[in-house]
Each structure stands twice: as structure tokens, then as C-alpha cells.
Amino acid sequence: MIPVLLADDETLVRAALATMLDLEDDIEVVAHVDSGAELTRLWQRRIDGGEPPAVALVDLQMPGRDGIETATDLLEIDRDAAILVVTSHGRPGYLKRALEAGVRGFLPKTTPATTLADAIRTAHDGGRYVDPQLAAEAISAGDSLLTPREADVLEYALDGAGIEQIARRAHLSPGTTRNYLSSAMAKLGASNRYEAALKARNLGWV
């Protein structure tokens, strides 16, 4: 059996993923938690206890340590950690950042269950799996000038949301949100956040 540890702050999504993966004959979700910090503690406990190698399935967007930061924490504990990041924010910048951090897979949450299970098997065997469409978009988009957080707030600004709403969506304070928006607007030469968001979308950065 391939042990899987799952972290996602959305309870229904986390429970659904765990139930779905447990239907596979060779995969067992041994724990599912709501934060990267808790996943890191569990991973350390497994290492200290000499338990078999597991696969970490981590949501990208979580309060506190996000999925890529959590992956970095896990790899500091265990340089051979097999980590897959799943996300509803499949932007090229996040993919590049995740691969640079050392994750073994990057998939959208729309991935079919069979594909996710195969990606877990691939990661457990030491291989990598990257969603083909995300990989193609990353190549065509080129290097983004935006930091991941700047891209986050711009994406949330696309529908005309106000500062407070963007801040809630991005799990940031309003002040920090304003700073990220101002920085992104300056990089894109935009006069307002909506214009900046449209420019970033056209460039494939959000």
C-alpha cells in the first residue's frame, strides 16, 4: 500500500479526496489535515518512527504556510519526500515555483481520479507528473514579473472585487493586499488594479 498524507483547508474537498483515493487498491490515506503546519508535524512523526515512505498531497492555497512552502518544509525534514501539489490556481508561475522547490507533481483539482492516483504512484516510485496543459501554458507564458502573491491578488481583482474581498479570498490583511496590488500595478504599468489584472491575464500570468 502507498500511504498518503493529505492537507487541504477545505473540509469537504479534503474528505472527498480521501474517500476517492481510498477506493484504490494500492493507496491508503493515512491522515488528512487542514494545514501545512499539521502535515509537517505528521511527516516528522513518521520519519522519527521509521515508518514507510509516504506521498504528501498538498493543496496550494492554504492559510499560513501554502502548499509550496509546506513542500519546502517537508523536504527539509526528508530530502526524498514525494510531494504532489493540487490546486485550483494552475498558473505557470506557481508551476515553476513548485518544481523549483522540488515537488514531484503539480495538478489541477479538476484532474480525474484515475490520473491523480497514477500521479501518486509515479511520485511514490520517484518520478514526476505535471499536468500537460499546465506545462504547455508555462512554456508559452514565459517568465512572469509577478510574485505568486501579486498574481493571487490580481486574479481576485478580475471580477471587480474590492480590497476587503480580495484580502479575504487571498488570506491576507487589507494593508498587505494593497501593497501587493500597488507593486503589481507598477510592474505592469497599469493605472488601476483591474487594468493590471487584465494585462496579467493577457500575458498568461494569472
C-alpha atoms as a PDB file:
ATOM      1  CA  MET A   1       0.000   0.000   0.000  1.00  0.00           C
ATOM      2  CA  ILE A   2       1.084   3.573  -0.719  1.00  0.00           C
ATOM      3  CA  PRO A   3       0.460   5.747   2.366  1.00  0.00           C
ATOM      4  CA  VAL A   4      -0.848   9.227   1.554  1.00  0.00           C
ATOM      5  CA  LEU A   5      -0.955  12.253   3.840  1.00  0.00           C
ATOM      6  CA  LEU A   6      -3.361  14.927   2.637  1.00  0.00           C
ATOM      7  CA  ALA A   7      -3.523  18.622   3.538  1.00  0.00           C
ATOM      8  CA  ASP A   8      -6.357  20.903   2.415  1.00  0.00           C
ATOM      9  CA  ASP A   9      -8.087  23.623   4.415  1.00  0.00           C
ATOM     10  CA  GLU A  10     -11.445  22.950   2.736  1.00  0.00           C
ATOM     11  CA  THR A  11     -13.063  20.183   4.761  1.00  0.00           C
ATOM     12  CA  LEU A  12     -15.435  18.892   2.077  1.00  0.00           C
ATOM     13  CA  VAL A  13     -12.732  18.822  -0.596  1.00  0.00           C
ATOM     14  CA  ARG A  14     -10.309  17.093   1.760  1.00  0.00           C
ATOM     15  CA  ALA A  15     -12.827  14.454   2.781  1.00  0.00           C
ATOM     16  CA  ALA A  16     -13.872  13.846  -0.825  1.00  0.00           C
ATOM     17  CA  LEU A  17     -10.276  13.379  -1.940  1.00  0.00           C
ATOM     18  CA  ALA A  18      -9.587  10.988   0.914  1.00  0.00           C
ATOM     19  CA  THR A  19     -12.691   8.923   0.151  1.00  0.00           C
ATOM     20  CA  MET A  20     -11.906   8.820  -3.555  1.00  0.00           C
ATOM     21  CA  LEU A  21      -8.286   7.751  -3.084  1.00  0.00           C
ATOM     22  CA  ASP A  22      -9.204   5.071  -0.556  1.00  0.00           C
ATOM     23  CA  LEU A  23     -11.124   3.325  -3.343  1.00  0.00           C
ATOM     24  CA  GLU A  24      -7.803   2.469  -4.992  1.00  0.00           C
ATOM     25  CA  ASP A  25      -6.492  -0.994  -4.141  1.00  0.00           C
ATOM     26  CA  ASP A  26      -2.917   0.173  -3.543  1.00  0.00           C
ATOM     27  CA  ILE A  27      -3.433   3.618  -1.959  1.00  0.00           C
ATOM     28  CA  GLU A  28      -4.382   4.433   1.620  1.00  0.00           C
ATOM     29  CA  VAL A  29      -4.956   7.929   3.013  1.00  0.00           C
ATOM     30  CA  VAL A  30      -3.460   7.529   6.483  1.00  0.00           C
ATOM     31  CA  ALA A  31      -4.199  11.103   7.586  1.00  0.00           C
ATOM     32  CA  HIS A  32      -5.830  14.242   6.297  1.00  0.00           C
ATOM     33  CA  VAL A  33      -5.371  17.622   7.944  1.00  0.00           C
ATOM     34  CA  ASP A  34      -6.321  21.253   7.352  1.00  0.00           C
ATOM     35  CA  SER A  35      -2.926  22.992   7.373  1.00  0.00           C
ATOM     36  CA  GLY A  36       0.619  22.706   6.153  1.00  0.00           C
ATOM     37  CA  ALA A  37       1.929  23.029   9.692  1.00  0.00           C
ATOM     38  CA  GLU A  38      -0.044  19.989  10.848  1.00  0.00           C
ATOM     39  CA  LEU A  39       1.087  17.985   7.826  1.00  0.00           C
ATOM     40  CA  THR A  40       4.698  18.846   8.594  1.00  0.00           C
ATOM     41  CA  ARG A  41       4.271  17.639  12.188  1.00  0.00           C
ATOM     42  CA  LEU A  42       2.776  14.358  10.990  1.00  0.00           C
ATOM     43  CA  TRP A  43       5.555  13.891   8.467  1.00  0.00           C
ATOM     44  CA  GLN A  44       8.201  14.449  11.141  1.00  0.00           C
ATOM     45  CA  ARG A  45       6.448  11.923  13.350  1.00  0.00           C
ATOM     46  CA  ARG A  46       6.556   9.341  10.552  1.00  0.00           C
ATOM     47  CA  ILE A  47      10.250   9.957   9.961  1.00  0.00           C
ATOM     48  CA  ASP A  48      11.036   9.700  13.685  1.00  0.00           C
ATOM     49  CA  GLY A  49       9.031   6.479  13.887  1.00  0.00           C
ATOM     50  CA  GLY A  50      10.774   4.889  10.916  1.00  0.00           C
ATOM     51  CA  GLU A  51       7.510   4.389   9.021  1.00  0.00           C
ATOM     52  CA  PRO A  52       7.456   3.549   5.288  1.00  0.00           C
ATOM     53  CA  PRO A  53       7.828   6.338   2.690  1.00  0.00           C
ATOM     54  CA  ALA A  54       4.573   8.169   2.037  1.00  0.00           C
ATOM     55  CA  VAL A  55       3.253  10.619  -0.534  1.00  0.00           C
ATOM     56  CA  ALA A  56       2.118  14.094   0.529  1.00  0.00           C
ATOM     57  CA  LEU A  57      -0.844  15.524  -1.358  1.00  0.00           C
ATOM     58  CA  VAL A  58      -0.966  19.241  -0.605  1.00  0.00           C
ATOM     59  CA  ASP A  59      -3.402  21.991  -1.556  1.00  0.00           C
ATOM     60  CA  LEU A  60      -1.656  25.038  -2.978  1.00  0.00           C
ATOM     61  CA  GLN A  61      -3.746  27.737  -1.302  1.00  0.00           C
ATOM     62  CA  MET A  62      -3.975  27.363   2.474  1.00  0.00           C
ATOM     63  CA  PRO A  63      -3.850  29.899   5.305  1.00  0.00           C
ATOM     64  CA  GLY A  64      -0.422  30.135   6.882  1.00  0.00           C
ATOM     65  CA  ARG A  65       2.123  28.030   5.005  1.00  0.00           C
ATOM     66  CA  ASP A  66       0.882  27.492   1.456  1.00  0.00           C
ATOM     67  CA  GLY A  67       1.382  24.251  -0.446  1.00  0.00           C
ATOM     68  CA  ILE A  68       4.782  25.131  -1.883  1.00  0.00           C
ATOM     69  CA  GLU A  69       6.081  26.476   1.427  1.00  0.00           C
ATOM     70  CA  THR A  70       4.823  23.281   3.070  1.00  0.00           C
ATOM     71  CA  ALA A  71       6.652  21.240   0.436  1.00  0.00           C
ATOM     72  CA  THR A  72       9.842  23.116   1.283  1.00  0.00           C
ATOM     73  CA  ASP A  73       9.315  22.314   4.977  1.00  0.00           C
ATOM     74  CA  LEU A  74       8.806  18.618   4.216  1.00  0.00           C
ATOM     75  CA  LEU A  75      11.903  18.458   2.019  1.00  0.00           C
ATOM     76  CA  GLU A  76      13.977  19.984   4.818  1.00  0.00           C
ATOM     77  CA  ILE A  77      12.872  17.091   7.012  1.00  0.00           C
ATOM     78  CA  ASP A  78      13.159  14.464   4.294  1.00  0.00           C
ATOM     79  CA  ARG A  79      15.008  15.330   1.088  1.00  0.00           C
ATOM     80  CA  ASP A  80      13.383  12.338  -0.636  1.00  0.00           C
ATOM     81  CA  ALA A  81       9.827  13.358   0.268  1.00  0.00           C
ATOM     82  CA  ALA A  82       7.346  12.621  -2.516  1.00  0.00           C
ATOM     83  CA  ILE A  83       5.060  15.657  -2.742  1.00  0.00           C
ATOM     84  CA  LEU A  84       2.206  16.457  -5.101  1.00  0.00           C
ATOM     85  CA  VAL A  85       0.584  19.895  -5.177  1.00  0.00           C
ATOM     86  CA  VAL A  86      -3.059  20.134  -6.241  1.00  0.00           C
ATOM     87  CA  THR A  87      -4.634  23.462  -6.993  1.00  0.00           C
ATOM     88  CA  SER A  88      -7.493  25.439  -8.423  1.00  0.00           C
ATOM     89  CA  HIS A  89      -4.894  28.145  -9.271  1.00  0.00           C
ATOM     90  CA  GLY A  90      -2.953  26.423 -12.036  1.00  0.00           C
ATOM     91  CA  ARG A  91      -0.850  29.346 -13.165  1.00  0.00           C
ATOM     92  CA  PRO A  92       2.546  28.965 -14.861  1.00  0.00           C
ATOM     93  CA  GLY A  93       4.305  30.910 -12.111  1.00  0.00           C
ATOM     94  CA  TYR A  94       3.082  28.524  -9.441  1.00  0.00           C
ATOM     95  CA  LEU A  95       4.107  25.505 -11.515  1.00  0.00           C
ATOM     96  CA  LYS A  96       7.629  26.821 -11.969  1.00  0.00           C
ATOM     97  CA  ARG A  97       7.928  27.726  -8.301  1.00  0.00           C
ATOM     98  CA  ALA A  98       6.687  24.283  -7.253  1.00  0.00           C
ATOM     99  CA  LEU A  99       9.125  22.436  -9.489  1.00  0.00           C
ATOM    100  CA  GLU A 100      11.995  24.626  -8.316  1.00  0.00           C
ATOM    101  CA  ALA A 101      11.054  23.748  -4.729  1.00  0.00           C
ATOM    102  CA  GLY A 102      11.367  20.042  -5.554  1.00  0.00           C
ATOM    103  CA  VAL A 103       7.787  18.776  -5.699  1.00  0.00           C
ATOM    104  CA  ARG A 104       7.176  15.691  -7.822  1.00  0.00           C
ATOM    105  CA  GLY A 105       3.799  16.661  -9.182  1.00  0.00           C
ATOM    106  CA  PHE A 106       1.533  19.598  -9.912  1.00  0.00           C
ATOM    107  CA  LEU A 107      -2.098  19.023 -10.861  1.00  0.00           C
ATOM    108  CA  PRO A 108      -5.356  20.981 -11.067  1.00  0.00           C
ATOM    109  CA  LYS A 109      -8.212  19.931  -8.790  1.00  0.00           C
ATOM    110  CA  THR A 110     -10.196  19.085 -11.915  1.00  0.00           C
ATOM    111  CA  THR A 111      -7.859  16.131 -12.549  1.00  0.00           C
ATOM    112  CA  PRO A 112      -9.731  12.811 -12.953  1.00  0.00           C
ATOM    113  CA  ALA A 113      -9.434  10.411 -10.028  1.00  0.00           C
ATOM    114  CA  THR A 114      -7.594   7.812 -12.087  1.00  0.00           C
ATOM    115  CA  THR A 115      -4.996  10.364 -13.200  1.00  0.00           C
ATOM    116  CA  LEU A 116      -4.462  11.579  -9.638  1.00  0.00           C
ATOM    117  CA  ALA A 117      -3.983   8.001  -8.454  1.00  0.00           C
ATOM    118  CA  ASP A 118      -1.459   7.371 -11.228  1.00  0.00           C
ATOM    119  CA  ALA A 119       0.380  10.577 -10.304  1.00  0.00           C
ATOM    120  CA  ILE A 120       0.616   9.376  -6.699  1.00  0.00           C
ATOM    121  CA  ARG A 121       2.072   6.063  -7.880  1.00  0.00           C
ATOM    122  CA  THR A 122       4.547   7.871 -10.119  1.00  0.00           C
ATOM    123  CA  ALA A 123       5.691  10.162  -7.292  1.00  0.00           C
ATOM    124  CA  HIS A 124       5.997   7.225  -4.900  1.00  0.00           C
ATOM    125  CA  ASP A 125       8.254   5.471  -7.432  1.00  0.00           C
ATOM    126  CA  GLY A 126      10.487   8.541  -7.700  1.00  0.00           C
ATOM    127  CA  GLY A 127       9.058  10.017 -10.893  1.00  0.00           C
ATOM    128  CA  ARG A 128       7.310  13.279 -11.697  1.00  0.00           C
ATOM    129  CA  TYR A 129       3.883  14.136 -13.027  1.00  0.00           C
ATOM    130  CA  VAL A 130       2.909  17.579 -14.328  1.00  0.00           C
ATOM    131  CA  ASP A 131      -0.464  18.259 -15.888  1.00  0.00           C
ATOM    132  CA  PRO A 132       0.250  18.539 -19.663  1.00  0.00           C
ATOM    133  CA  GLN A 133      -1.948  21.601 -20.204  1.00  0.00           C
ATOM    134  CA  LEU A 134      -0.313  23.485 -17.322  1.00  0.00           C
ATOM    135  CA  ALA A 135       3.121  22.554 -18.651  1.00  0.00           C
ATOM    136  CA  ALA A 136       2.243  23.895 -22.113  1.00  0.00           C
ATOM    137  CA  GLU A 137       0.874  27.111 -20.638  1.00  0.00           C
ATOM    138  CA  ALA A 138       4.027  27.581 -18.564  1.00  0.00           C
ATOM    139  CA  ILE A 139       6.188  27.294 -21.676  1.00  0.00           C
ATOM    140  CA  SER A 140       4.081  29.701 -23.724  1.00  0.00           C
ATOM    141  CA  ALA A 141       3.618  32.282 -20.960  1.00  0.00           C
ATOM    142  CA  GLY A 142       7.309  32.880 -20.365  1.00  0.00           C
ATOM    143  CA  ASP A 143       8.701  34.179 -17.092  1.00  0.00           C
ATOM    144  CA  SER A 144       6.288  36.293 -15.094  1.00  0.00           C
ATOM    145  CA  LEU A 145       7.392  39.544 -13.494  1.00  0.00           C
ATOM    146  CA  LEU A 146       4.857  38.976 -10.730  1.00  0.00           C
ATOM    147  CA  THR A 147       5.437  37.196  -7.459  1.00  0.00           C
ATOM    148  CA  PRO A 148       2.922  34.421  -6.680  1.00  0.00           C
ATOM    149  CA  ARG A 149       1.121  36.636  -4.170  1.00  0.00           C
ATOM    150  CA  GLU A 150       0.923  39.528  -6.624  1.00  0.00           C
ATOM    151  CA  ALA A 151      -0.602  37.162  -9.148  1.00  0.00           C
ATOM    152  CA  ASP A 152      -3.066  35.973  -6.495  1.00  0.00           C
ATOM    153  CA  VAL A 153      -4.445  39.402  -5.703  1.00  0.00           C
ATOM    154  CA  LEU A 154      -4.669  40.337  -9.379  1.00  0.00           C
ATOM    155  CA  GLU A 155      -6.623  37.184 -10.151  1.00  0.00           C
ATOM    156  CA  TYR A 156      -9.095  38.029  -7.396  1.00  0.00           C
ATOM    157  CA  ALA A 157      -9.361  41.578  -8.790  1.00  0.00           C
ATOM    158  CA  LEU A 158     -10.533  40.388 -12.208  1.00  0.00           C
ATOM    159  CA  ASP A 159     -14.207  40.398 -11.227  1.00  0.00           C
ATOM    160  CA  GLY A 160     -14.016  43.917  -9.787  1.00  0.00           C
ATOM    161  CA  ALA A 161     -13.738  42.832  -6.149  1.00  0.00           C
ATOM    162  CA  GLY A 162     -12.810  45.435  -3.529  1.00  0.00           C
ATOM    163  CA  ILE A 163      -9.753  45.364  -1.288  1.00  0.00           C
ATOM    164  CA  GLU A 164     -11.521  43.717   1.659  1.00  0.00           C
ATOM    165  CA  GLN A 165     -12.952  40.951  -0.520  1.00  0.00           C
ATOM    166  CA  ILE A 166      -9.642  40.314  -2.267  1.00  0.00           C
ATOM    167  CA  ALA A 167      -7.911  40.169   1.125  1.00  0.00           C
ATOM    168  CA  ARG A 168     -10.375  37.552   2.423  1.00  0.00           C
ATOM    169  CA  ARG A 169     -10.006  35.413  -0.677  1.00  0.00           C
ATOM    170  CA  ALA A 170      -6.210  35.546  -0.562  1.00  0.00           C
ATOM    171  CA  HIS A 171      -5.989  35.055   3.236  1.00  0.00           C
ATOM    172  CA  LEU A 172      -4.154  38.384   3.577  1.00  0.00           C
ATOM    173  CA  SER A 173      -4.664  41.596   5.512  1.00  0.00           C
ATOM    174  CA  PRO A 174      -6.122  44.573   3.599  1.00  0.00           C
ATOM    175  CA  GLY A 175      -2.863  46.508   4.021  1.00  0.00           C
ATOM    176  CA  THR A 176      -0.742  43.686   2.628  1.00  0.00           C
ATOM    177  CA  THR A 177      -3.226  43.266  -0.207  1.00  0.00           C
ATOM    178  CA  ARG A 178      -2.896  46.941  -1.138  1.00  0.00           C
ATOM    179  CA  ASN A 179       0.882  46.621  -1.147  1.00  0.00           C
ATOM    180  CA  TYR A 180       0.804  43.610  -3.474  1.00  0.00           C
ATOM    181  CA  LEU A 181      -1.652  45.332  -5.804  1.00  0.00           C
ATOM    182  CA  SER A 182       0.438  48.512  -5.928  1.00  0.00           C
ATOM    183  CA  SER A 183       3.572  46.534  -6.706  1.00  0.00           C
ATOM    184  CA  ALA A 184       1.828  44.536  -9.444  1.00  0.00           C
ATOM    185  CA  MET A 185       0.350  47.699 -10.987  1.00  0.00           C
ATOM    186  CA  ALA A 186       3.792  49.309 -11.097  1.00  0.00           C
ATOM    187  CA  LYS A 187       5.352  46.264 -12.770  1.00  0.00           C
ATOM    188  CA  LEU A 188       2.603  46.184 -15.389  1.00  0.00           C
ATOM    189  CA  GLY A 189       2.418  49.951 -15.926  1.00  0.00           C
ATOM    190  CA  ALA A 190      -1.292  49.930 -15.064  1.00  0.00           C
ATOM    191  CA  SER A 191      -3.291  52.794 -13.599  1.00  0.00           C
ATOM    192  CA  ASN A 192      -5.629  50.585 -11.537  1.00  0.00           C
ATOM    193  CA  ARG A 193      -5.884  47.028 -10.275  1.00  0.00           C
ATOM    194  CA  TYR A 194      -8.451  45.934 -12.843  1.00  0.00           C
ATOM    195  CA  GLU A 195      -6.285  47.132 -15.737  1.00  0.00           C
ATOM    196  CA  ALA A 196      -3.311  45.344 -14.181  1.00  0.00           C
ATOM    197  CA  ALA A 197      -5.345  42.153 -13.803  1.00  0.00           C
ATOM    198  CA  LEU A 198      -6.404  42.236 -17.456  1.00  0.00           C
ATOM    199  CA  LYS A 199      -2.828  42.814 -18.627  1.00  0.00           C
ATOM    200  CA  ALA A 200      -1.592  39.935 -16.476  1.00  0.00           C
ATOM    201  CA  ARG A 201      -4.353  37.669 -17.775  1.00  0.00           C
ATOM    202  CA  ASN A 202      -3.461  38.507 -21.389  1.00  0.00           C
ATOM    203  CA  LEU A 203       0.167  37.636 -20.678  1.00  0.00           C
ATOM    204  CA  GLY A 204      -0.823  34.308 -19.129  1.00  0.00           C
ATOM    205  CA  TRP A 205       0.455  35.282 -15.691  1.00  0.00           C
ATOM    206  CA  VAL A 206      -2.881  34.874 -13.860  1.00  0.00           C
END
